[in-house]
């Protein structure tokens, strides 16, 4: 399952998992960012790799999300009102 990161502001419906620069160095200082559980999709890894190869998606730097942040995201996702029970099985 994939969920993108998006700007957390008054228009953002995804308020369950807000991250900052301490969670992931890619996030700019003072720019709260939310995990967009409402737009999460289940996707085949080969398709994801193809999107990275053809430029549909871009790799971020650092490419690896810290383990403590992944644990935080999964813990919140398990109780998210935005994720269906089917999507939660992929956690």
C-alpha atoms as a PDB file:
ATOM      1  CA  UNK A   1       0.000   0.000   0.000  1.00  0.00           C
ATOM      2  CA  UNK A   2       1.228   3.499  -0.831  1.00  0.00           C
ATOM      3  CA  UNK A   3       0.179   6.811   0.650  1.00  0.00           C
ATOM      4  CA  UNK A   4       1.708  10.101  -0.334  1.00  0.00           C
ATOM      5  CA  UNK A   5       2.823  12.947   1.886  1.00  0.00           C
ATOM      6  CA  UNK A   6       0.994  16.228   1.458  1.00  0.00           C
ATOM      7  CA  UNK A   7       1.005  19.722   2.937  1.00  0.00           C
ATOM      8  CA  UNK A   8      -0.974  19.833   6.148  1.00  0.00           C
ATOM      9  CA  UNK A   9      -3.166  22.927   6.094  1.00  0.00           C
ATOM     10  CA  UNK A  10      -6.797  23.932   6.701  1.00  0.00           C
ATOM     11  CA  UNK A  11      -7.875  22.307   3.416  1.00  0.00           C
ATOM     12  CA  UNK A  12      -6.222  18.956   4.105  1.00  0.00           C
ATOM     13  CA  UNK A  13      -8.679  16.212   5.117  1.00  0.00           C
ATOM     14  CA  UNK A  14      -5.862  13.983   6.350  1.00  0.00           C
ATOM     15  CA  UNK A  15      -5.196  15.141   9.900  1.00  0.00           C
ATOM     16  CA  UNK A  16      -4.487  11.804  11.553  1.00  0.00           C
ATOM     17  CA  UNK A  17      -0.744  11.543  10.959  1.00  0.00           C
ATOM     18  CA  UNK A  18       1.104  14.849  10.818  1.00  0.00           C
ATOM     19  CA  UNK A  19       4.871  14.696  10.373  1.00  0.00           C
ATOM     20  CA  UNK A  20       7.638  17.262  10.642  1.00  0.00           C
ATOM     21  CA  UNK A  21      11.342  17.521   9.882  1.00  0.00           C
ATOM     22  CA  UNK A  22      12.186  15.478  12.994  1.00  0.00           C
ATOM     23  CA  UNK A  23      10.206  12.570  11.569  1.00  0.00           C
ATOM     24  CA  UNK A  24      11.799  12.693   8.116  1.00  0.00           C
ATOM     25  CA  UNK A  25      14.628  14.940   6.885  1.00  0.00           C
ATOM     26  CA  UNK A  26      12.912  15.450   3.493  1.00  0.00           C
ATOM     27  CA  UNK A  27      10.204  17.531   5.200  1.00  0.00           C
ATOM     28  CA  UNK A  28      11.075  21.224   5.295  1.00  0.00           C
ATOM     29  CA  UNK A  29      11.391  22.994   8.638  1.00  0.00           C
ATOM     30  CA  UNK A  30       8.120  24.674   9.559  1.00  0.00           C
ATOM     31  CA  UNK A  31       6.182  22.820   6.849  1.00  0.00           C
ATOM     32  CA  UNK A  32       3.825  20.356   8.581  1.00  0.00           C
ATOM     33  CA  UNK A  33       3.171  17.403   6.345  1.00  0.00           C
ATOM     34  CA  UNK A  34       0.438  14.806   6.534  1.00  0.00           C
ATOM     35  CA  UNK A  35       0.265  11.197   5.400  1.00  0.00           C
ATOM     36  CA  UNK A  36      -2.626  11.169   2.915  1.00  0.00           C
ATOM     37  CA  UNK A  37      -4.377   8.009   4.079  1.00  0.00           C
ATOM     38  CA  UNK A  38      -7.515   9.122   2.198  1.00  0.00           C
ATOM     39  CA  UNK A  39      -5.638   8.717  -1.096  1.00  0.00           C
ATOM     40  CA  UNK A  40      -3.778   5.517  -0.249  1.00  0.00           C
ATOM     41  CA  UNK A  41      -3.677   2.885  -2.970  1.00  0.00           C
ATOM     42  CA  UNK A  42      -2.698  -0.748  -3.175  1.00  0.00           C
ATOM     43  CA  UNK A  43      -0.137  -1.141  -5.926  1.00  0.00           C
ATOM     44  CA  UNK A  44       2.128  -3.791  -7.365  1.00  0.00           C
ATOM     45  CA  UNK A  45       5.813  -3.139  -6.650  1.00  0.00           C
ATOM     46  CA  UNK A  46       6.667  -3.590 -10.351  1.00  0.00           C
ATOM     47  CA  UNK A  47       4.281  -0.759 -11.249  1.00  0.00           C
ATOM     48  CA  UNK A  48       5.803   1.462  -8.580  1.00  0.00           C
ATOM     49  CA  UNK A  49       9.285   0.731  -9.952  1.00  0.00           C
ATOM     50  CA  UNK A  50       8.062   1.553 -13.471  1.00  0.00           C
ATOM     51  CA  UNK A  51       6.680   4.916 -12.273  1.00  0.00           C
ATOM     52  CA  UNK A  52      10.037   5.724 -10.681  1.00  0.00           C
ATOM     53  CA  UNK A  53      11.868   4.708 -13.856  1.00  0.00           C
ATOM     54  CA  UNK A  54       9.665   6.680 -16.259  1.00  0.00           C
ATOM     55  CA  UNK A  55       9.542   9.798 -14.057  1.00  0.00           C
ATOM     56  CA  UNK A  56       5.873   9.627 -13.048  1.00  0.00           C
ATOM     57  CA  UNK A  57       7.187   9.531  -9.473  1.00  0.00           C
ATOM     58  CA  UNK A  58      10.422  11.046  -8.256  1.00  0.00           C
ATOM     59  CA  UNK A  59      12.684   9.660  -5.581  1.00  0.00           C
ATOM     60  CA  UNK A  60      13.090  11.909  -2.593  1.00  0.00           C
ATOM     61  CA  UNK A  61      16.244  12.529  -0.621  1.00  0.00           C
ATOM     62  CA  UNK A  62      16.812  10.852   1.739  1.00  0.00           C
ATOM     63  CA  UNK A  63      15.169   7.934  -0.031  1.00  0.00           C
ATOM     64  CA  UNK A  64      14.675   5.909   3.126  1.00  0.00           C
ATOM     65  CA  UNK A  65      12.121   6.944   5.733  1.00  0.00           C
ATOM     66  CA  UNK A  66      13.553   6.390   9.252  1.00  0.00           C
ATOM     67  CA  UNK A  67      12.324   3.263  11.035  1.00  0.00           C
ATOM     68  CA  UNK A  68      10.822   5.254  13.936  1.00  0.00           C
ATOM     69  CA  UNK A  69       8.702   7.224  11.450  1.00  0.00           C
ATOM     70  CA  UNK A  70       7.513   4.095   9.661  1.00  0.00           C
ATOM     71  CA  UNK A  71       6.497   2.638  13.034  1.00  0.00           C
ATOM     72  CA  UNK A  72       4.616   5.858  13.866  1.00  0.00           C
ATOM     73  CA  UNK A  73       2.789   5.866  10.514  1.00  0.00           C
ATOM     74  CA  UNK A  74       1.774   2.202  10.798  1.00  0.00           C
ATOM     75  CA  UNK A  75       0.525   2.650  14.376  1.00  0.00           C
ATOM     76  CA  UNK A  76      -1.679   5.555  13.326  1.00  0.00           C
ATOM     77  CA  UNK A  77      -2.786   3.846  10.099  1.00  0.00           C
ATOM     78  CA  UNK A  78      -4.062   0.829  12.025  1.00  0.00           C
ATOM     79  CA  UNK A  79      -6.737   3.069  13.581  1.00  0.00           C
ATOM     80  CA  UNK A  80      -7.270   5.442  10.668  1.00  0.00           C
ATOM     81  CA  UNK A  81     -10.830   6.319   9.702  1.00  0.00           C
ATOM     82  CA  UNK A  82      -9.524   7.015   6.177  1.00  0.00           C
ATOM     83  CA  UNK A  83      -8.278   3.465   5.484  1.00  0.00           C
ATOM     84  CA  UNK A  84     -10.634   0.626   4.661  1.00  0.00           C
ATOM     85  CA  UNK A  85     -10.308  -2.664   6.539  1.00  0.00           C
ATOM     86  CA  UNK A  86      -8.975  -4.182   3.286  1.00  0.00           C
ATOM     87  CA  UNK A  87      -6.163  -1.633   3.053  1.00  0.00           C
ATOM     88  CA  UNK A  88      -5.331  -2.096   6.735  1.00  0.00           C
ATOM     89  CA  UNK A  89      -4.529  -5.761   6.021  1.00  0.00           C
ATOM     90  CA  UNK A  90      -1.436  -4.556   4.115  1.00  0.00           C
ATOM     91  CA  UNK A  91       0.065  -2.851   7.171  1.00  0.00           C
END
